[in-house]
Amino acid sequence: MALVSEQTHFEALPVPDEPLLSWSVYLADTPAKWLGTVEAATPREAIAEGVEKFNQPKERLMAVRRS
């Protein structure tokens, strides 16, 4: 029997407001170079993930949604 103050299994799992999408992250150069993929809800979040994952400045990255 669970107490009122305890969380149930479903309450403990956070549900994102927006679904995570798959994004290809490129180094914006001439020609553009594919660095890899990340999962994020928006292009800005995808670039932020790319900054951390690929160790590149955000000004040099671009994200393209994968289908």
Protein backbone atom coordinates (compact mmCIF):
# COMPACT_ATOMS: atom_id res chain seq x y z
CA MET A 1 0.00 0.00 0.00
CA ALA A 2 1.49 3.32 -1.09
CA LEU A 3 1.35 6.35 1.13
CA VAL A 4 -0.02 9.60 -0.25
CA SER A 5 3.39 11.29 -0.10
CA GLU A 6 5.09 8.53 -2.16
CA GLN A 7 5.24 8.80 -5.94
CA THR A 8 3.90 5.99 -8.05
CA HIS A 9 5.90 4.58 -10.94
CA PHE A 10 4.07 6.71 -13.51
CA GLU A 11 4.41 9.92 -11.53
CA ALA A 12 8.17 9.46 -11.22
CA LEU A 13 8.70 9.43 -15.00
CA PRO A 14 8.87 12.93 -16.48
CA VAL A 15 6.91 13.43 -19.70
CA PRO A 16 8.32 16.09 -22.03
CA ASP A 17 5.89 18.72 -23.33
CA GLU A 18 7.21 18.21 -26.84
CA PRO A 19 8.31 14.87 -28.27
CA LEU A 20 12.02 14.44 -28.89
CA LEU A 21 12.93 14.48 -32.57
CA SER A 22 16.06 13.25 -34.27
CA TRP A 23 18.34 15.98 -35.70
CA SER A 24 21.44 15.79 -37.87
CA VAL A 25 24.08 18.24 -36.68
CA TYR A 26 26.48 19.74 -39.21
CA LEU A 27 29.57 21.90 -38.95
CA ALA A 28 28.49 24.92 -41.01
CA ASP A 29 31.48 25.25 -43.29
CA THR A 30 32.03 25.03 -47.02
CA PRO A 31 31.21 22.24 -47.60
CA ALA A 32 29.15 21.41 -44.51
CA LYS A 33 30.45 18.44 -42.52
CA TRP A 34 28.09 16.00 -40.79
CA LEU A 35 29.07 15.53 -37.15
CA GLY A 36 26.32 13.19 -35.97
CA THR A 37 22.77 13.01 -34.66
CA VAL A 38 21.11 14.20 -31.46
CA GLU A 39 17.61 14.00 -30.02
CA ALA A 40 15.88 17.24 -29.07
CA ALA A 41 12.49 18.94 -29.26
CA THR A 42 13.62 22.08 -31.13
CA PRO A 43 16.50 23.10 -33.41
CA ARG A 44 17.94 25.35 -30.66
CA GLU A 45 17.99 22.45 -28.23
CA ALA A 46 19.58 20.26 -30.92
CA ILE A 47 22.37 22.80 -31.40
CA ALA A 48 22.86 23.03 -27.62
CA GLU A 49 23.18 19.23 -27.51
CA GLY A 50 25.63 19.42 -30.42
CA VAL A 51 27.78 21.97 -28.58
CA GLU A 52 28.17 19.54 -25.67
CA LYS A 53 28.44 16.34 -27.70
CA PHE A 54 30.76 17.51 -30.49
CA ASN A 55 32.72 20.21 -28.61
CA GLN A 56 32.11 22.93 -31.20
CA PRO A 57 30.92 26.54 -30.75
CA LYS A 58 27.20 27.05 -31.40
CA GLU A 59 27.94 29.68 -34.07
CA ARG A 60 29.52 26.97 -36.26
CA LEU A 61 26.70 24.40 -35.96
CA MET A 62 23.43 23.88 -37.80
CA ALA A 63 20.71 21.32 -37.15
CA VAL A 64 18.50 19.62 -39.75
CA ARG A 65 15.49 17.55 -38.72
CA ARG A 66 15.72 13.92 -39.80
CA SER A 67 12.65 12.29 -41.31
